[in-house]
Amino acid sequence: MTSLPIESLPAELRKEVEQFLEEHPLSPAGRLRPRLGQSSGMWLALLGPSVQEGKVGLGTSPVSALRAFNRGFGRANEQPTVEV
């Protein structure tokens, strides 16, 4: 899976992601701006070197992955948080 900085997303997706981050500036995603990627039809918000070593949120869209990232940010790194 390749992850990209938010600034490298296609314009339409970037606009949705930036709007979400502007609406939640103090959230973990708003402050840390995780990289985004897609694998097997799921979007991943990733902060760190890998899924195994970083913080991850999974979702059916970039914004849902960011929501899951926010929800699971303070939890132990057992399983990625998923939002459908």
PDB file of N, CA and C in Angstrom:
ATOM      1  N   MET A   1       0.834  -1.173   0.000  1.00  0.00           N
ATOM      2  CA  MET A   1       0.000   0.000   0.000  1.00  0.00           C
ATOM      3  C   MET A   1       0.884   1.243   0.000  1.00  0.00           C
ATOM      4  N   THR A   2       0.572   2.159  -0.869  1.00  0.00           N
ATOM      5  CA  THR A   2       1.271   3.438  -0.911  1.00  0.00           C
ATOM      6  C   THR A   2       0.388   4.486  -0.257  1.00  0.00           C
ATOM      7  N   SER A   3       0.959   5.250   0.642  1.00  0.00           N
ATOM      8  CA  SER A   3       0.202   6.342   1.260  1.00  0.00           C
ATOM      9  C   SER A   3       0.750   7.668   0.753  1.00  0.00           C
ATOM     10  N   LEU A   4      -0.138   8.641   0.674  1.00  0.00           N
ATOM     11  CA  LEU A   4       0.215   9.957   0.134  1.00  0.00           C
ATOM     12  C   LEU A   4      -0.078  11.049   1.149  1.00  0.00           C
ATOM     13  N   PRO A   5       0.699  12.120   1.116  1.00  0.00           N
ATOM     14  CA  PRO A   5       0.319  13.285   1.918  1.00  0.00           C
ATOM     15  C   PRO A   5      -0.991  13.845   1.372  1.00  0.00           C
ATOM     16  N   ILE A   6      -1.744  14.468   2.211  1.00  0.00           N
ATOM     17  CA  ILE A   6      -3.041  15.018   1.823  1.00  0.00           C
ATOM     18  C   ILE A   6      -2.915  15.941   0.618  1.00  0.00           C
ATOM     19  N   GLU A   7      -1.847  16.696   0.557  1.00  0.00           N
ATOM     20  CA  GLU A   7      -1.638  17.647  -0.538  1.00  0.00           C
ATOM     21  C   GLU A   7      -1.480  16.962  -1.895  1.00  0.00           C
ATOM     22  N   SER A   8      -1.185  15.679  -1.901  1.00  0.00           N
ATOM     23  CA  SER A   8      -0.981  14.940  -3.146  1.00  0.00           C
ATOM     24  C   SER A   8      -2.225  14.192  -3.621  1.00  0.00           C
ATOM     25  N   LEU A   9      -3.319  14.266  -2.878  1.00  0.00           N
ATOM     26  CA  LEU A   9      -4.553  13.608  -3.287  1.00  0.00           C
ATOM     27  C   LEU A   9      -5.151  14.308  -4.496  1.00  0.00           C
ATOM     28  N   PRO A  10      -5.961  13.600  -5.294  1.00  0.00           N
ATOM     29  CA  PRO A  10      -6.693  14.257  -6.370  1.00  0.00           C
ATOM     30  C   PRO A  10      -7.560  15.387  -5.806  1.00  0.00           C
ATOM     31  N   ALA A  11      -7.771  16.422  -6.597  1.00  0.00           N
ATOM     32  CA  ALA A  11      -8.416  17.660  -6.132  1.00  0.00           C
ATOM     33  C   ALA A  11      -9.743  17.423  -5.417  1.00  0.00           C
ATOM     34  N   GLU A  12     -10.608  16.590  -5.953  1.00  0.00           N
ATOM     35  CA  GLU A  12     -11.924  16.376  -5.342  1.00  0.00           C
ATOM     36  C   GLU A  12     -11.803  15.739  -3.961  1.00  0.00           C
ATOM     37  N   LEU A  13     -10.965  14.725  -3.844  1.00  0.00           N
ATOM     38  CA  LEU A  13     -10.756  14.080  -2.544  1.00  0.00           C
ATOM     39  C   LEU A  13     -10.064  15.027  -1.572  1.00  0.00           C
ATOM     40  N   ARG A  14      -9.081  15.760  -2.053  1.00  0.00           N
ATOM     41  CA  ARG A  14      -8.355  16.699  -1.199  1.00  0.00           C
ATOM     42  C   ARG A  14      -9.312  17.740  -0.624  1.00  0.00           C
ATOM     43  N   LYS A  15     -10.242  18.218  -1.432  1.00  0.00           N
ATOM     44  CA  LYS A  15     -11.208  19.221  -0.968  1.00  0.00           C
ATOM     45  C   LYS A  15     -12.053  18.668   0.183  1.00  0.00           C
ATOM     46  N   GLU A  16     -12.544  17.429   0.040  1.00  0.00           N
ATOM     47  CA  GLU A  16     -13.341  16.807   1.103  1.00  0.00           C
ATOM     48  C   GLU A  16     -12.517  16.630   2.376  1.00  0.00           C
ATOM     49  N   VAL A  17     -11.289  16.168   2.217  1.00  0.00           N
ATOM     50  CA  VAL A  17     -10.411  15.933   3.366  1.00  0.00           C
ATOM     51  C   VAL A  17     -10.078  17.254   4.049  1.00  0.00           C
ATOM     52  N   GLU A  18      -9.708  18.262   3.282  1.00  0.00           N
ATOM     53  CA  GLU A  18      -9.371  19.568   3.869  1.00  0.00           C
ATOM     54  C   GLU A  18     -10.567  20.171   4.594  1.00  0.00           C
ATOM     55  N   GLN A  19     -11.768  20.001   4.048  1.00  0.00           N
ATOM     56  CA  GLN A  19     -12.967  20.513   4.721  1.00  0.00           C
ATOM     57  C   GLN A  19     -13.152  19.820   6.064  1.00  0.00           C
ATOM     58  N   PHE A  20     -12.996  18.498   6.082  1.00  0.00           N
ATOM     59  CA  PHE A  20     -13.112  17.756   7.336  1.00  0.00           C
ATOM     60  C   PHE A  20     -12.079  18.241   8.358  1.00  0.00           C
ATOM     61  N   LEU A  21     -10.848  18.417   7.914  1.00  0.00           N
ATOM     62  CA  LEU A  21      -9.789  18.857   8.822  1.00  0.00           C
ATOM     63  C   LEU A  21     -10.027  20.279   9.327  1.00  0.00           C
ATOM     64  N   GLU A  22     -10.564  21.150   8.478  1.00  0.00           N
ATOM     65  CA  GLU A  22     -10.893  22.515   8.912  1.00  0.00           C
ATOM     66  C   GLU A  22     -12.005  22.505   9.951  1.00  0.00           C
ATOM     67  N   GLU A  23     -12.950  21.569   9.824  1.00  0.00           N
ATOM     68  CA  GLU A  23     -14.059  21.467  10.778  1.00  0.00           C
ATOM     69  C   GLU A  23     -13.621  20.827  12.093  1.00  0.00           C
ATOM     70  N   HIS A  24     -12.482  20.142  12.092  1.00  0.00           N
ATOM     71  CA  HIS A  24     -11.976  19.448  13.279  1.00  0.00           C
ATOM     72  C   HIS A  24     -10.491  19.773  13.490  1.00  0.00           C
ATOM     73  N   PRO A  25     -10.161  21.046  13.666  1.00  0.00           N
ATOM     74  CA  PRO A  25      -8.749  21.437  13.711  1.00  0.00           C
ATOM     75  C   PRO A  25      -7.974  20.917  14.920  1.00  0.00           C
ATOM     76  N   LEU A  26      -8.659  20.619  16.012  1.00  0.00           N
ATOM     77  CA  LEU A  26      -7.966  20.161  17.211  1.00  0.00           C
ATOM     78  C   LEU A  26      -7.962  18.638  17.351  1.00  0.00           C
ATOM     79  N   SER A  27      -8.563  17.951  16.388  1.00  0.00           N
ATOM     80  CA  SER A  27      -8.570  16.488  16.423  1.00  0.00           C
ATOM     81  C   SER A  27      -7.170  15.975  16.095  1.00  0.00           C
ATOM     82  N   PRO A  28      -6.891  14.706  16.412  1.00  0.00           N
ATOM     83  CA  PRO A  28      -5.584  14.156  16.030  1.00  0.00           C
ATOM     84  C   PRO A  28      -5.312  14.298  14.526  1.00  0.00           C
ATOM     85  N   ALA A  29      -6.294  14.017  13.692  1.00  0.00           N
ATOM     86  CA  ALA A  29      -6.097  14.149  12.240  1.00  0.00           C
ATOM     87  C   ALA A  29      -5.869  15.603  11.847  1.00  0.00           C
ATOM     88  N   GLY A  30      -6.603  16.519  12.470  1.00  0.00           N
ATOM     89  CA  GLY A  30      -6.447  17.936  12.159  1.00  0.00           C
ATOM     90  C   GLY A  30      -5.077  18.466  12.536  1.00  0.00           C
ATOM     91  N   ARG A  31      -4.530  17.988  13.630  1.00  0.00           N
ATOM     92  CA  ARG A  31      -3.223  18.455  14.089  1.00  0.00           C
ATOM     93  C   ARG A  31      -2.065  17.734  13.401  1.00  0.00           C
ATOM     94  N   LEU A  32      -2.241  16.441  13.115  1.00  0.00           N
ATOM     95  CA  LEU A  32      -1.121  15.627  12.639  1.00  0.00           C
ATOM     96  C   LEU A  32      -1.138  15.324  11.139  1.00  0.00           C
ATOM     97  N   ARG A  33      -2.286  15.509  10.500  1.00  0.00           N
ATOM     98  CA  ARG A  33      -2.433  15.316   9.050  1.00  0.00           C
ATOM     99  C   ARG A  33      -1.800  14.004   8.575  1.00  0.00           C
ATOM    100  N   PRO A  34      -2.406  12.868   8.959  1.00  0.00           N
ATOM    101  CA  PRO A  34      -1.850  11.582   8.545  1.00  0.00           C
ATOM    102  C   PRO A  34      -1.887  11.418   7.021  1.00  0.00           C
ATOM    103  N   ARG A  35      -1.039  10.550   6.539  1.00  0.00           N
ATOM    104  CA  ARG A  35      -1.020  10.222   5.114  1.00  0.00           C
ATOM    105  C   ARG A  35      -2.233   9.342   4.815  1.00  0.00           C
ATOM    106  N   LEU A  36      -2.694   9.354   3.569  1.00  0.00           N
ATOM    107  CA  LEU A  36      -3.850   8.561   3.176  1.00  0.00           C
ATOM    108  C   LEU A  36      -3.471   7.612   2.053  1.00  0.00           C
ATOM    109  N   GLY A  37      -4.063   6.426   2.067  1.00  0.00           N
ATOM    110  CA  GLY A  37      -3.829   5.451   1.021  1.00  0.00           C
ATOM    111  C   GLY A  37      -5.027   4.534   0.891  1.00  0.00           C
ATOM    112  N   GLN A  38      -5.013   3.720  -0.139  1.00  0.00           N
ATOM    113  CA  GLN A  38      -6.110   2.806  -0.390  1.00  0.00           C
ATOM    114  C   GLN A  38      -5.551   1.412  -0.631  1.00  0.00           C
ATOM    115  N   SER A  39      -6.218   0.418  -0.037  1.00  0.00           N
ATOM    116  CA  SER A  39      -5.809  -0.965  -0.207  1.00  0.00           C
ATOM    117  C   SER A  39      -7.037  -1.854  -0.119  1.00  0.00           C
ATOM    118  N   SER A  40      -7.199  -2.709  -1.093  1.00  0.00           N
ATOM    119  CA  SER A  40      -8.326  -3.666  -1.109  1.00  0.00           C
ATOM    120  C   SER A  40      -9.665  -2.966  -0.909  1.00  0.00           C
ATOM    121  N   GLY A  41      -9.836  -1.820  -1.526  1.00  0.00           N
ATOM    122  CA  GLY A  41     -11.104  -1.097  -1.448  1.00  0.00           C
ATOM    123  C   GLY A  41     -11.324  -0.304  -0.179  1.00  0.00           C
ATOM    124  N   MET A  42     -10.365  -0.338   0.742  1.00  0.00           N
ATOM    125  CA  MET A  42     -10.487   0.423   1.984  1.00  0.00           C
ATOM    126  C   MET A  42      -9.487   1.567   1.978  1.00  0.00           C
ATOM    127  N   TRP A  43      -9.874   2.691   2.567  1.00  0.00           N
ATOM    128  CA  TRP A  43      -8.977   3.835   2.745  1.00  0.00           C
ATOM    129  C   TRP A  43      -8.310   3.726   4.098  1.00  0.00           C
ATOM    130  N   LEU A  44      -7.052   4.144   4.154  1.00  0.00           N
ATOM    131  CA  LEU A  44      -6.282   4.133   5.392  1.00  0.00           C
ATOM    132  C   LEU A  44      -5.764   5.536   5.676  1.00  0.00           C
ATOM    133  N   ALA A  45      -5.897   5.961   6.913  1.00  0.00           N
ATOM    134  CA  ALA A  45      -5.232   7.170   7.408  1.00  0.00           C
ATOM    135  C   ALA A  45      -4.093   6.651   8.277  1.00  0.00           C
ATOM    136  N   LEU A  46      -2.862   7.004   7.937  1.00  0.00           N
ATOM    137  CA  LEU A  46      -1.694   6.408   8.583  1.00  0.00           C
ATOM    138  C   LEU A  46      -0.734   7.473   9.088  1.00  0.00           C
ATOM    139  N   LEU A  47      -0.355   7.337  10.345  1.00  0.00           N
ATOM    140  CA  LEU A  47       0.695   8.159  10.926  1.00  0.00           C
ATOM    141  C   LEU A  47       1.758   7.199  11.434  1.00  0.00           C
ATOM    142  N   GLY A  48       2.922   7.239  10.848  1.00  0.00           N
ATOM    143  CA  GLY A  48       4.005   6.349  11.246  1.00  0.00           C
ATOM    144  C   GLY A  48       4.584   5.633  10.047  1.00  0.00           C
ATOM    145  N   PRO A  49       5.581   4.803  10.294  1.00  0.00           N
ATOM    146  CA  PRO A  49       6.298   4.162   9.200  1.00  0.00           C
ATOM    147  C   PRO A  49       5.525   3.043   8.511  1.00  0.00           C
ATOM    148  N   SER A  50       4.580   2.414   9.219  1.00  0.00           N
ATOM    149  CA  SER A  50       3.831   1.301   8.628  1.00  0.00           C
ATOM    150  C   SER A  50       2.550   1.090   9.421  1.00  0.00           C
ATOM    151  N   VAL A  51       1.672   0.263   8.857  1.00  0.00           N
ATOM    152  CA  VAL A  51       0.423  -0.074   9.544  1.00  0.00           C
ATOM    153  C   VAL A  51       0.736  -0.775  10.864  1.00  0.00           C
ATOM    154  N   GLN A  52       1.763  -1.614  10.873  1.00  0.00           N
ATOM    155  CA  GLN A  52       2.100  -2.361  12.077  1.00  0.00           C
ATOM    156  C   GLN A  52       2.708  -1.475  13.163  1.00  0.00           C
ATOM    157  N   GLU A  53       3.408  -0.425  12.793  1.00  0.00           N
ATOM    158  CA  GLU A  53       4.121   0.399  13.769  1.00  0.00           C
ATOM    159  C   GLU A  53       3.490   1.767  14.014  1.00  0.00           C
ATOM    160  N   GLY A  54       2.461   2.132  13.253  1.00  0.00           N
ATOM    161  CA  GLY A  54       1.894   3.468  13.367  1.00  0.00           C
ATOM    162  C   GLY A  54       0.486   3.465  13.910  1.00  0.00           C
ATOM    163  N   LYS A  55      -0.143   4.610  13.823  1.00  0.00           N
ATOM    164  CA  LYS A  55      -1.549   4.779  14.166  1.00  0.00           C
ATOM    165  C   LYS A  55      -2.330   4.756  12.864  1.00  0.00           C
ATOM    166  N   VAL A  56      -3.432   4.001  12.831  1.00  0.00           N
ATOM    167  CA  VAL A  56      -4.166   3.776  11.600  1.00  0.00           C
ATOM    168  C   VAL A  56      -5.660   3.905  11.844  1.00  0.00           C
ATOM    169  N   GLY A  57      -6.352   4.480  10.870  1.00  0.00           N
ATOM    170  CA  GLY A  57      -7.804   4.453  10.815  1.00  0.00           C
ATOM    171  C   GLY A  57      -8.198   3.921   9.454  1.00  0.00           C
ATOM    172  N   LEU A  58      -9.196   3.046   9.403  1.00  0.00           N
ATOM    173  CA  LEU A  58      -9.672   2.463   8.154  1.00  0.00           C
ATOM    174  C   LEU A  58     -11.105   2.885   7.894  1.00  0.00           C
ATOM    175  N   GLY A  59     -11.445   3.129   6.634  1.00  0.00           N
ATOM    176  CA  GLY A  59     -12.802   3.499   6.286  1.00  0.00           C
ATOM    177  C   GLY A  59     -13.075   3.304   4.816  1.00  0.00           C
ATOM    178  N   THR A  60     -14.328   3.491   4.440  1.00  0.00           N
ATOM    179  CA  THR A  60     -14.731   3.314   3.053  1.00  0.00           C
ATOM    180  C   THR A  60     -14.452   4.554   2.208  1.00  0.00           C
ATOM    181  N   SER A  61     -14.040   5.623   2.840  1.00  0.00           N
ATOM    182  CA  SER A  61     -13.677   6.862   2.145  1.00  0.00           C
ATOM    183  C   SER A  61     -12.529   7.513   2.920  1.00  0.00           C
ATOM    184  N   PRO A  62     -11.850   8.483   2.318  1.00  0.00           N
ATOM    185  CA  PRO A  62     -10.787   9.163   3.064  1.00  0.00           C
ATOM    186  C   PRO A  62     -11.288   9.808   4.363  1.00  0.00           C
ATOM    187  N   VAL A  63     -12.453  10.445   4.303  1.00  0.00           N
ATOM    188  CA  VAL A  63     -12.981  11.110   5.498  1.00  0.00           C
ATOM    189  C   VAL A  63     -13.363  10.090   6.568  1.00  0.00           C
ATOM    190  N   SER A  64     -13.955   8.971   6.173  1.00  0.00           N
ATOM    191  CA  SER A  64     -14.295   7.964   7.186  1.00  0.00           C
ATOM    192  C   SER A  64     -13.029   7.355   7.790  1.00  0.00           C
ATOM    193  N   ALA A  65     -11.959   7.245   7.013  1.00  0.00           N
ATOM    194  CA  ALA A  65     -10.684   6.774   7.561  1.00  0.00           C
ATOM    195  C   ALA A  65     -10.139   7.782   8.577  1.00  0.00           C
ATOM    196  N   LEU A  66     -10.278   9.073   8.296  1.00  0.00           N
ATOM    197  CA  LEU A  66      -9.836  10.101   9.242  1.00  0.00           C
ATOM    198  C   LEU A  66     -10.673  10.074  10.517  1.00  0.00           C
ATOM    199  N   ARG A  67     -11.974   9.854  10.391  1.00  0.00           N
ATOM    200  CA  ARG A  67     -12.826   9.739  11.587  1.00  0.00           C
ATOM    201  C   ARG A  67     -12.376   8.563  12.453  1.00  0.00           C
ATOM    202  N   ALA A  68     -12.114   7.428  11.792  1.00  0.00           N
ATOM    203  CA  ALA A  68     -11.652   6.242  12.525  1.00  0.00           C
ATOM    204  C   ALA A  68     -10.284   6.505  13.157  1.00  0.00           C
ATOM    205  N   PHE A  69      -9.415   7.195  12.446  1.00  0.00           N
ATOM    206  CA  PHE A  69      -8.107   7.572  12.983  1.00  0.00           C
ATOM    207  C   PHE A  69      -8.284   8.385  14.263  1.00  0.00           C
ATOM    208  N   ASN A  70      -9.183   9.375  14.230  1.00  0.00           N
ATOM    209  CA  ASN A  70      -9.430  10.206  15.412  1.00  0.00           C
ATOM    210  C   ASN A  70      -9.949   9.374  16.575  1.00  0.00           C
ATOM    211  N   ARG A  71     -10.905   8.488  16.302  1.00  0.00           N
ATOM    212  CA  ARG A  71     -11.491   7.672  17.375  1.00  0.00           C
ATOM    213  C   ARG A  71     -10.465   6.743  18.015  1.00  0.00           C
ATOM    214  N   GLY A  72      -9.593   6.182  17.218  1.00  0.00           N
ATOM    215  CA  GLY A  72      -8.660   5.203  17.757  1.00  0.00           C
ATOM    216  C   GLY A  72      -7.313   5.753  18.162  1.00  0.00           C
ATOM    217  N   PHE A  73      -7.104   7.059  18.035  1.00  0.00           N
ATOM    218  CA  PHE A  73      -5.772   7.620  18.227  1.00  0.00           C
ATOM    219  C   PHE A  73      -5.181   7.347  19.596  1.00  0.00           C
ATOM    220  N   GLY A  74      -5.946   7.474  20.658  1.00  0.00           N
ATOM    221  CA  GLY A  74      -5.405   7.306  22.006  1.00  0.00           C
ATOM    222  C   GLY A  74      -5.366   5.876  22.493  1.00  0.00           C
ATOM    223  N   ARG A  75      -5.837   4.939  21.685  1.00  0.00           N
ATOM    224  CA  ARG A  75      -5.895   3.540  22.100  1.00  0.00           C
ATOM    225  C   ARG A  75      -4.588   2.822  21.825  1.00  0.00           C
ATOM    226  N   ALA A  76      -4.410   1.720  22.513  1.00  0.00           N
ATOM    227  CA  ALA A  76      -3.240   0.863  22.264  1.00  0.00           C
ATOM    228  C   ALA A  76      -3.268   0.393  20.822  1.00  0.00           C
ATOM    229  N   ASN A  77      -2.142   0.114  20.287  1.00  0.00           N
ATOM    230  CA  ASN A  77      -1.981  -0.220  18.871  1.00  0.00           C
ATOM    231  C   ASN A  77      -2.309  -1.680  18.576  1.00  0.00           C
ATOM    232  N   GLU A  78      -3.459  -2.165  19.049  1.00  0.00           N
ATOM    233  CA  GLU A  78      -3.812  -3.566  18.860  1.00  0.00           C
ATOM    234  C   GLU A  78      -4.395  -3.825  17.478  1.00  0.00           C
ATOM    235  N   GLN A  79      -5.449  -3.136  17.114  1.00  0.00           N
ATOM    236  CA  GLN A  79      -6.119  -3.308  15.823  1.00  0.00           C
ATOM    237  C   GLN A  79      -6.480  -1.936  15.290  1.00  0.00           C
ATOM    238  N   PRO A  80      -6.398  -1.729  13.967  1.00  0.00           N
ATOM    239  CA  PRO A  80      -6.818  -0.445  13.412  1.00  0.00           C
ATOM    240  C   PRO A  80      -8.305  -0.214  13.664  1.00  0.00           C
ATOM    241  N   THR A  81      -8.680   1.034  13.845  1.00  0.00           N
ATOM    242  CA  THR A  81     -10.074   1.400  13.986  1.00  0.00           C
ATOM    243  C   THR A  81     -10.683   1.494  12.595  1.00  0.00           C
ATOM    244  N   VAL A  82     -11.905   0.972  12.431  1.00  0.00           N
ATOM    245  CA  VAL A  82     -12.567   0.940  11.129  1.00  0.00           C
ATOM    246  C   VAL A  82     -13.880   1.707  11.200  1.00  0.00           C
ATOM    247  N   GLU A  83     -14.164   2.507  10.179  1.00  0.00           N
ATOM    248  CA  GLU A  83     -15.457   3.173  10.035  1.00  0.00           C
ATOM    249  C   GLU A  83     -16.006   2.839   8.665  1.00  0.00           C
ATOM    250  N   VAL A  84     -17.256   2.422   8.638  1.00  0.00           N
ATOM    251  CA  VAL A  84     -17.895   2.069   7.368  1.00  0.00           C
ATOM    252  C   VAL A  84     -18.773   3.195   6.899  1.00  0.00           C
TER     253      VAL A  84
END
